[in-house]
């Protein structure tokens, strides 16, 4: 069956369009495969990041707990130091008062 020039031209045009569509479909398939690979890699990296974030959160909580314990220890030591200083102040005041009493008696007895 012979084709007229118009039919031949139309057939050639359809063949070119089919080749274009086939090439385009191949590119799309390749791009889709690449995107699927990239997506899988991103999912894997995201999971690793989630694990790292969880680990860091745990480490931060542990550090915060340690800082809180240290703050309590420092507060307790401050209270103990203040109590020792208060006791030493009382002892010093008692000695000063005793010395004042001795000096007052010494001078009030008319010795000087």
N, C-alpha and C. Protein backbone atom coordinates (compact mmCIF):
# COMPACT_ATOMS: atom_id res chain seq x y z
N UNK A 1 0.83 -1.15 0.00
CA UNK A 1 0.00 0.00 0.00
C UNK A 1 0.89 1.23 0.00
N UNK A 2 0.72 2.02 -0.99
CA UNK A 2 1.49 3.23 -1.15
C UNK A 2 0.79 4.38 -0.44
N UNK A 3 1.65 5.25 0.13
CA UNK A 3 1.11 6.40 0.86
C UNK A 3 1.27 7.65 0.02
N UNK A 4 0.35 8.51 0.23
CA UNK A 4 0.46 9.81 -0.43
C UNK A 4 1.51 10.62 0.32
N UNK A 5 2.06 11.65 -0.33
CA UNK A 5 3.07 12.47 0.36
C UNK A 5 2.54 13.06 1.67
N UNK A 6 1.29 13.44 1.72
CA UNK A 6 0.73 13.99 2.95
C UNK A 6 0.67 12.92 4.05
N UNK A 7 0.29 11.71 3.67
CA UNK A 7 0.23 10.61 4.64
C UNK A 7 1.64 10.26 5.13
N UNK A 8 2.59 10.25 4.19
CA UNK A 8 3.99 9.97 4.54
C UNK A 8 4.50 11.02 5.52
N UNK A 9 4.23 12.29 5.23
CA UNK A 9 4.66 13.39 6.11
C UNK A 9 4.02 13.24 7.48
N UNK A 10 2.74 12.94 7.50
CA UNK A 10 2.03 12.77 8.76
C UNK A 10 2.59 11.57 9.53
N UNK A 11 2.88 10.50 8.86
CA UNK A 11 3.46 9.30 9.49
C UNK A 11 4.84 9.61 10.06
N UNK A 12 5.66 10.35 9.28
CA UNK A 12 6.98 10.73 9.76
C UNK A 12 6.88 11.63 11.00
N UNK A 13 5.95 12.56 10.95
CA UNK A 13 5.74 13.47 12.08
C UNK A 13 5.31 12.68 13.32
N UNK A 14 4.43 11.73 13.14
CA UNK A 14 3.98 10.89 14.25
C UNK A 14 5.15 10.06 14.78
N UNK A 15 5.99 9.53 13.89
CA UNK A 15 7.17 8.76 14.32
C UNK A 15 8.12 9.63 15.14
N UNK A 16 8.35 10.87 14.68
CA UNK A 16 9.23 11.79 15.42
C UNK A 16 8.65 12.11 16.80
N UNK A 17 7.35 12.33 16.83
CA UNK A 17 6.71 12.62 18.12
C UNK A 17 6.79 11.42 19.06
N UNK A 18 6.61 10.22 18.50
CA UNK A 18 6.73 9.01 19.32
C UNK A 18 8.16 8.84 19.83
N UNK A 19 9.16 9.12 18.99
CA UNK A 19 10.57 9.05 19.41
C UNK A 19 10.84 10.08 20.51
N UNK A 20 10.31 11.29 20.31
CA UNK A 20 10.47 12.34 21.32
C UNK A 20 9.85 11.90 22.65
N UNK A 21 8.61 11.38 22.56
CA UNK A 21 7.92 10.93 23.78
C UNK A 21 8.67 9.77 24.44
N UNK A 22 9.19 8.85 23.64
CA UNK A 22 9.95 7.72 24.20
C UNK A 22 11.22 8.21 24.89
N UNK A 23 11.94 9.15 24.24
CA UNK A 23 13.16 9.70 24.84
C UNK A 23 12.82 10.47 26.12
N UNK A 24 11.74 11.24 26.08
CA UNK A 24 11.30 12.00 27.24
C UNK A 24 10.92 11.06 28.38
N UNK A 25 10.22 9.99 28.03
CA UNK A 25 9.81 9.00 29.04
C UNK A 25 11.05 8.34 29.65
N UNK A 26 12.06 8.06 28.84
CA UNK A 26 13.30 7.45 29.34
C UNK A 26 14.00 8.40 30.32
N UNK A 27 14.05 9.69 29.96
CA UNK A 27 14.65 10.69 30.85
C UNK A 27 13.87 10.78 32.15
N UNK A 28 12.55 10.79 32.05
CA UNK A 28 11.72 10.85 33.25
C UNK A 28 11.94 9.63 34.14
N UNK A 29 12.04 8.47 33.54
CA UNK A 29 12.29 7.24 34.30
C UNK A 29 13.65 7.30 34.99
N UNK A 30 14.65 7.79 34.27
CA UNK A 30 15.99 7.93 34.85
C UNK A 30 15.97 8.95 36.00
N UNK A 31 15.32 10.08 35.76
CA UNK A 31 15.21 11.11 36.80
C UNK A 31 14.47 10.58 38.02
N UNK A 32 13.43 9.81 37.80
CA UNK A 32 12.66 9.23 38.89
C UNK A 32 13.53 8.27 39.70
N UNK A 33 14.31 7.45 39.03
CA UNK A 33 15.21 6.52 39.72
C UNK A 33 16.23 7.29 40.56
N UNK A 34 16.76 8.38 39.98
CA UNK A 34 17.72 9.21 40.71
C UNK A 34 17.06 9.83 41.94
N UNK A 35 15.84 10.35 41.75
CA UNK A 35 15.12 10.95 42.88
C UNK A 35 14.82 9.92 43.96
N UNK A 36 14.50 8.70 43.56
CA UNK A 36 14.23 7.65 44.54
C UNK A 36 15.50 7.33 45.33
N UNK A 37 16.64 7.29 44.66
CA UNK A 37 17.91 7.04 45.32
C UNK A 37 18.23 8.17 46.30
N UNK A 38 18.09 9.39 45.84
CA UNK A 38 18.34 10.56 46.70
C UNK A 38 17.41 10.54 47.89
N UNK A 39 16.15 10.23 47.67
CA UNK A 39 15.17 10.17 48.76
C UNK A 39 15.57 9.12 49.79
N UNK A 40 15.99 7.95 49.34
CA UNK A 40 16.42 6.89 50.25
C UNK A 40 17.63 7.35 51.07
N UNK A 41 18.57 8.04 50.41
CA UNK A 41 19.75 8.54 51.12
C UNK A 41 19.35 9.59 52.15
N UNK A 42 18.44 10.47 51.78
CA UNK A 42 17.99 11.50 52.72
C UNK A 42 17.26 10.90 53.91
N UNK A 43 16.47 9.87 53.66
CA UNK A 43 15.76 9.20 54.75
C UNK A 43 16.78 8.57 55.71
N UNK A 44 17.80 7.95 55.15
CA UNK A 44 18.85 7.33 55.98
C UNK A 44 19.58 8.38 56.80
N UNK A 45 19.95 9.48 56.15
CA UNK A 45 20.65 10.56 56.86
C UNK A 45 19.75 11.17 57.92
N UNK A 46 18.49 11.34 57.60
CA UNK A 46 17.55 11.90 58.56
C UNK A 46 17.43 11.01 59.79
N UNK A 47 17.40 9.70 59.59
CA UNK A 47 17.34 8.76 60.71
C UNK A 47 18.60 8.87 61.57
N UNK A 48 19.76 9.00 60.92
CA UNK A 48 21.00 9.16 61.68
C UNK A 48 20.99 10.47 62.46
N UNK A 49 20.50 11.53 61.84
CA UNK A 49 20.42 12.82 62.53
C UNK A 49 19.47 12.73 63.71
N UNK A 50 18.35 12.03 63.54
CA UNK A 50 17.41 11.85 64.64
C UNK A 50 18.08 11.14 65.81
N UNK A 51 18.89 10.11 65.50
CA UNK A 51 19.61 9.39 66.55
C UNK A 51 20.62 10.31 67.24
N UNK A 52 21.33 11.11 66.45
CA UNK A 52 22.32 12.03 67.02
C UNK A 52 21.64 13.06 67.92
N UNK A 53 20.52 13.58 67.46
CA UNK A 53 19.79 14.58 68.24
C UNK A 53 19.31 13.97 69.55
N UNK A 54 18.81 12.75 69.49
CA UNK A 54 18.35 12.07 70.71
C UNK A 54 19.52 11.85 71.66
N UNK A 55 20.66 11.43 71.12
CA UNK A 55 21.85 11.21 71.95
C UNK A 55 22.31 12.53 72.58
N UNK A 56 22.31 13.59 71.79
CA UNK A 56 22.73 14.89 72.31
C UNK A 56 21.75 15.40 73.36
N UNK A 57 20.47 15.16 73.14
CA UNK A 57 19.47 15.55 74.13
C UNK A 57 19.72 14.83 75.44
N UNK A 58 20.05 13.56 75.37
CA UNK A 58 20.35 12.78 76.57
C UNK A 58 21.62 13.32 77.25
N UNK A 59 22.62 13.65 76.46
CA UNK A 59 23.86 14.20 77.02
C UNK A 59 23.62 15.55 77.67
N UNK A 60 22.80 16.38 77.04
CA UNK A 60 22.48 17.69 77.60
C UNK A 60 21.73 17.52 78.92
N UNK A 61 20.80 16.58 78.97
CA UNK A 61 20.05 16.34 80.21
C UNK A 61 20.99 15.85 81.31
N UNK A 62 21.92 14.97 80.95
CA UNK A 62 22.89 14.48 81.91
C UNK A 62 23.76 15.62 82.43
N UNK A 63 24.18 16.48 81.53
CA UNK A 63 24.99 17.64 81.92
C UNK A 63 24.20 18.57 82.83
N UNK A 64 22.94 18.80 82.49
CA UNK A 64 22.09 19.66 83.33
C UNK A 64 21.93 19.05 84.72
N UNK A 65 21.75 17.74 84.80
CA UNK A 65 21.64 17.07 86.10
C UNK A 65 22.92 17.23 86.91
N UNK A 66 24.06 17.09 86.24
CA UNK A 66 25.35 17.25 86.91
C UNK A 66 25.52 18.67 87.43
N UNK A 67 25.17 19.65 86.61
CA UNK A 67 25.27 21.06 87.03
C UNK A 67 24.37 21.31 88.23
N UNK A 68 23.18 20.75 88.22
CA UNK A 68 22.26 20.91 89.35
C UNK A 68 22.84 20.29 90.62
N UNK A 69 23.41 19.08 90.49
CA UNK A 69 24.04 18.44 91.66
C UNK A 69 25.19 19.28 92.19
N UNK A 70 26.02 19.80 91.28
CA UNK A 70 27.15 20.64 91.69
C UNK A 70 26.66 21.93 92.36
N UNK A 71 25.60 22.51 91.84
CA UNK A 71 25.05 23.72 92.45
C UNK A 71 24.56 23.43 93.87
N UNK A 72 23.94 22.28 94.06
CA UNK A 72 23.48 21.90 95.41
C UNK A 72 24.66 21.70 96.35
N UNK A 73 25.72 21.06 95.84
CA UNK A 73 26.92 20.86 96.66
C UNK A 73 27.53 22.20 97.05
N UNK A 74 27.63 23.11 96.08
CA UNK A 74 28.19 24.44 96.36
C UNK A 74 27.32 25.17 97.37
N UNK A 75 26.01 25.10 97.22
CA UNK A 75 25.11 25.75 98.19
C UNK A 75 25.31 25.18 99.58
N UNK A 76 25.43 23.87 99.69
CA UNK A 76 25.64 23.23 100.99
C UNK A 76 26.97 23.65 101.59
N UNK A 77 28.00 23.69 100.77
CA UNK A 77 29.32 24.13 101.26
C UNK A 77 29.26 25.59 101.70
N UNK A 78 28.54 26.43 100.97
CA UNK A 78 28.37 27.83 101.36
C UNK A 78 27.69 27.93 102.73
N UNK A 79 26.64 27.12 102.93
CA UNK A 79 25.94 27.14 104.22
C UNK A 79 26.88 26.68 105.34
N UNK A 80 27.66 25.63 105.08
CA UNK A 80 28.61 25.16 106.08
C UNK A 80 29.66 26.21 106.40
N UNK A 81 30.18 26.85 105.35
CA UNK A 81 31.17 27.90 105.55
C UNK A 81 30.58 29.07 106.33
N UNK A 82 29.37 29.47 105.97
CA UNK A 82 28.71 30.56 106.70
C UNK A 82 28.51 30.19 108.16
N UNK A 83 28.13 28.95 108.43
CA UNK A 83 27.93 28.50 109.81
C UNK A 83 29.26 28.54 110.57
N UNK A 84 30.35 28.11 109.94
CA UNK A 84 31.67 28.16 110.59
C UNK A 84 32.09 29.59 110.86
N UNK A 85 31.86 30.47 109.89
CA UNK A 85 32.21 31.88 110.07
C UNK A 85 31.38 32.47 111.20
N UNK A 86 30.08 32.17 111.24
CA UNK A 86 29.23 32.68 112.33
C UNK A 86 29.72 32.18 113.68
N UNK A 87 30.10 30.92 113.76
CA UNK A 87 30.60 30.36 115.02
C UNK A 87 31.91 31.03 115.41
N UNK A 88 32.80 31.23 114.48
CA UNK A 88 34.08 31.91 114.77
C UNK A 88 33.82 33.37 115.18
N UNK A 89 32.86 34.02 114.53
CA UNK A 89 32.51 35.39 114.93
C UNK A 89 32.01 35.41 116.37
N UNK A 90 31.16 34.45 116.74
CA UNK A 90 30.64 34.39 118.11
C UNK A 90 31.80 34.16 119.10
N UNK A 91 32.70 33.26 118.75
CA UNK A 91 33.85 33.00 119.63
C UNK A 91 34.73 34.24 119.77
N UNK A 92 34.98 34.90 118.63
CA UNK A 92 35.80 36.12 118.65
C UNK A 92 35.12 37.19 119.49
N UNK A 93 33.80 37.38 119.30
CA UNK A 93 33.06 38.38 120.09
C UNK A 93 33.11 38.04 121.58
N UNK A 94 33.00 36.75 121.89
CA UNK A 94 33.07 36.34 123.30
C UNK A 94 34.45 36.66 123.88
N UNK A 95 35.49 36.41 123.14
CA UNK A 95 36.85 36.72 123.62
C UNK A 95 37.05 38.22 123.78
N UNK A 96 36.57 38.97 122.79
CA UNK A 96 36.69 40.44 122.87
C UNK A 96 35.93 40.94 124.09
N UNK A 97 34.70 40.42 124.30
CA UNK A 97 33.92 40.85 125.47
C UNK A 97 34.62 40.47 126.76
N UNK A 98 35.22 39.28 126.80
CA UNK A 98 35.96 38.87 128.01
C UNK A 98 37.14 39.80 128.24
N UNK A 99 37.85 40.15 127.17
CA UNK A 99 38.99 41.07 127.29
C UNK A 99 38.52 42.44 127.75
N UNK A 100 37.40 42.91 127.19
CA UNK A 100 36.85 44.21 127.61
C UNK A 100 36.50 44.17 129.10
N UNK A 101 35.89 43.08 129.54
CA UNK A 101 35.54 42.95 130.96
C UNK A 101 36.78 43.00 131.84
N UNK A 102 37.84 42.30 131.41
CA UNK A 102 39.09 42.30 132.18
C UNK A 102 39.67 43.70 132.25
N UNK A 103 39.70 44.38 131.10
CA UNK A 103 40.26 45.74 131.05
C UNK A 103 39.41 46.68 131.90
N UNK A 104 38.07 46.57 131.81
CA UNK A 104 37.20 47.45 132.61
C UNK A 104 37.40 47.20 134.10
N UNK A 105 37.52 45.94 134.50
CA UNK A 105 37.75 45.63 135.92
C UNK A 105 39.09 46.15 136.37
N UNK A 106 40.05 45.99 135.47
CA UNK A 106 41.39 46.44 135.81
C UNK A 106 41.40 47.93 136.08
N UNK A 107 40.74 48.70 135.20
CA UNK A 107 40.73 50.15 135.37
C UNK A 107 39.72 50.61 136.40
N UNK A 108 38.65 49.85 136.61
CA UNK A 108 37.63 50.28 137.57
C UNK A 108 38.03 49.92 139.01
N UNK A 109 38.95 49.02 139.21
CA UNK A 109 39.41 48.69 140.55
C UNK A 109 40.33 49.77 141.10
N UNK A 110 40.59 50.73 140.35
CA UNK A 110 41.39 51.87 140.76
C UNK A 110 42.88 51.62 140.67
N UNK A 111 43.24 50.62 139.97
CA UNK A 111 44.66 50.34 139.87
C UNK A 111 45.35 51.33 138.92
N UNK A 112 44.60 51.91 138.05
CA UNK A 112 45.19 52.88 137.11
C UNK A 112 44.29 54.02 136.86
